[in-house]
């Protein structure tokens, strides 16, 4: 199977776009992780909470799950 120069350029352009998009998404994910971690650290310190306490840690996990669910619902839009 032969690929024309035009097809090759299109394939390269599509792959480049895909790779750049993945890199941006990874950067956003990493940045969001760091921001959330800082926020948790600051608030547990401000509230003098011991994050090593399993009940405190589970409360934080449950709150993050709730936030994630609400964000997913927001992205999906109103139910029909």
C-alpha atoms as a PDB file:
ATOM      1  CA  UNK A   1       0.000   0.000   0.000  1.00  0.00           C
ATOM      2  CA  UNK A   2       1.370   3.351  -1.015  1.00  0.00           C
ATOM      3  CA  UNK A   3       0.675   6.627   0.746  1.00  0.00           C
ATOM      4  CA  UNK A   4       0.768   9.869  -1.157  1.00  0.00           C
ATOM      5  CA  UNK A   5       2.670  12.870   0.171  1.00  0.00           C
ATOM      6  CA  UNK A   6      -0.638  14.618   0.765  1.00  0.00           C
ATOM      7  CA  UNK A   7      -1.961  11.672   2.809  1.00  0.00           C
ATOM      8  CA  UNK A   8       1.295  11.482   4.760  1.00  0.00           C
ATOM      9  CA  UNK A   9       1.131  15.204   5.583  1.00  0.00           C
ATOM     10  CA  UNK A  10      -2.470  14.792   6.760  1.00  0.00           C
ATOM     11  CA  UNK A  11      -1.547  11.787   8.940  1.00  0.00           C
ATOM     12  CA  UNK A  12       1.390  13.669  10.470  1.00  0.00           C
ATOM     13  CA  UNK A  13      -0.778  16.732  11.090  1.00  0.00           C
ATOM     14  CA  UNK A  14      -3.472  14.617  12.788  1.00  0.00           C
ATOM     15  CA  UNK A  15      -0.934  12.794  14.968  1.00  0.00           C
ATOM     16  CA  UNK A  16       0.756  16.034  15.948  1.00  0.00           C
ATOM     17  CA  UNK A  17      -2.598  17.515  16.909  1.00  0.00           C
ATOM     18  CA  UNK A  18      -3.511  14.401  18.915  1.00  0.00           C
ATOM     19  CA  UNK A  19      -0.180  14.390  20.759  1.00  0.00           C
ATOM     20  CA  UNK A  20      -0.405  18.104  21.578  1.00  0.00           C
ATOM     21  CA  UNK A  21      -3.958  17.628  22.850  1.00  0.00           C
ATOM     22  CA  UNK A  22      -2.836  14.746  25.087  1.00  0.00           C
ATOM     23  CA  UNK A  23       0.026  16.836  26.456  1.00  0.00           C
ATOM     24  CA  UNK A  24      -2.361  19.696  27.294  1.00  0.00           C
ATOM     25  CA  UNK A  25      -4.782  17.309  29.013  1.00  0.00           C
ATOM     26  CA  UNK A  26      -1.954  15.741  31.025  1.00  0.00           C
ATOM     27  CA  UNK A  27      -0.767  19.202  32.068  1.00  0.00           C
ATOM     28  CA  UNK A  28      -4.260  20.232  33.143  1.00  0.00           C
ATOM     29  CA  UNK A  29      -4.729  16.982  35.065  1.00  0.00           C
ATOM     30  CA  UNK A  30      -1.367  17.346  36.800  1.00  0.00           C
ATOM     31  CA  UNK A  31      -2.009  21.009  37.594  1.00  0.00           C
ATOM     32  CA  UNK A  32      -5.447  20.216  38.989  1.00  0.00           C
ATOM     33  CA  UNK A  33      -4.014  17.412  41.131  1.00  0.00           C
ATOM     34  CA  UNK A  34      -1.401  19.764  42.595  1.00  0.00           C
ATOM     35  CA  UNK A  35      -4.002  22.473  43.235  1.00  0.00           C
ATOM     36  CA  UNK A  36      -6.352  20.033  44.981  1.00  0.00           C
ATOM     37  CA  UNK A  37      -3.533  18.620  47.082  1.00  0.00           C
ATOM     38  CA  UNK A  38      -2.503  22.128  48.189  1.00  0.00           C
ATOM     39  CA  UNK A  39      -6.099  23.006  48.983  1.00  0.00           C
ATOM     40  CA  UNK A  40      -6.536  19.885  51.109  1.00  0.00           C
ATOM     41  CA  UNK A  41      -3.239  20.503  52.892  1.00  0.00           C
ATOM     42  CA  UNK A  42      -4.101  24.148  53.618  1.00  0.00           C
ATOM     43  CA  UNK A  43      -7.610  23.443  54.871  1.00  0.00           C
ATOM     44  CA  UNK A  44      -6.669  20.483  57.041  1.00  0.00           C
ATOM     45  CA  UNK A  45      -3.927  22.603  58.567  1.00  0.00           C
ATOM     46  CA  UNK A  46      -6.220  25.628  59.050  1.00  0.00           C
ATOM     47  CA  UNK A  47      -8.863  23.437  60.678  1.00  0.00           C
ATOM     48  CA  UNK A  48      -6.211  21.542  62.659  1.00  0.00           C
ATOM     49  CA  UNK A  49      -7.381  18.209  61.259  1.00  0.00           C
ATOM     50  CA  UNK A  50      -5.168  15.154  61.438  1.00  0.00           C
ATOM     51  CA  UNK A  51      -5.210  13.715  57.917  1.00  0.00           C
ATOM     52  CA  UNK A  52      -3.653  10.496  59.288  1.00  0.00           C
ATOM     53  CA  UNK A  53      -6.905   9.855  61.164  1.00  0.00           C
ATOM     54  CA  UNK A  54      -8.820   7.351  58.983  1.00  0.00           C
ATOM     55  CA  UNK A  55     -12.191   8.974  59.641  1.00  0.00           C
ATOM     56  CA  UNK A  56     -10.842  12.398  58.576  1.00  0.00           C
ATOM     57  CA  UNK A  57      -9.196  10.913  55.495  1.00  0.00           C
ATOM     58  CA  UNK A  58     -12.421   9.096  54.519  1.00  0.00           C
ATOM     59  CA  UNK A  59     -14.435  12.289  54.993  1.00  0.00           C
ATOM     60  CA  UNK A  60     -12.099  14.048  52.560  1.00  0.00           C
ATOM     61  CA  UNK A  61     -12.387  11.167  50.073  1.00  0.00           C
ATOM     62  CA  UNK A  62     -16.200  11.247  50.289  1.00  0.00           C
ATOM     63  CA  UNK A  63     -16.212  15.017  49.752  1.00  0.00           C
ATOM     64  CA  UNK A  64     -13.984  14.636  46.679  1.00  0.00           C
ATOM     65  CA  UNK A  65     -16.279  11.923  45.293  1.00  0.00           C
ATOM     66  CA  UNK A  66     -19.256  14.232  45.747  1.00  0.00           C
ATOM     67  CA  UNK A  67     -17.474  17.085  43.999  1.00  0.00           C
ATOM     68  CA  UNK A  68     -16.468  14.751  41.141  1.00  0.00           C
ATOM     69  CA  UNK A  69     -20.051  13.500  40.742  1.00  0.00           C
ATOM     70  CA  UNK A  70     -21.415  17.052  40.723  1.00  0.00           C
ATOM     71  CA  UNK A  71     -18.834  18.100  38.151  1.00  0.00           C
ATOM     72  CA  UNK A  72     -19.746  15.145  35.913  1.00  0.00           C
ATOM     73  CA  UNK A  73     -23.433  16.041  36.219  1.00  0.00           C
ATOM     74  CA  UNK A  74     -22.640  19.636  35.333  1.00  0.00           C
ATOM     75  CA  UNK A  75     -20.684  18.587  32.248  1.00  0.00           C
ATOM     76  CA  UNK A  76     -23.476  16.262  31.105  1.00  0.00           C
ATOM     77  CA  UNK A  77     -26.021  19.032  31.449  1.00  0.00           C
ATOM     78  CA  UNK A  78     -29.566  18.877  32.758  1.00  0.00           C
ATOM     79  CA  UNK A  79     -31.334  15.514  32.725  1.00  0.00           C
ATOM     80  CA  UNK A  80     -34.014  15.141  30.091  1.00  0.00           C
END
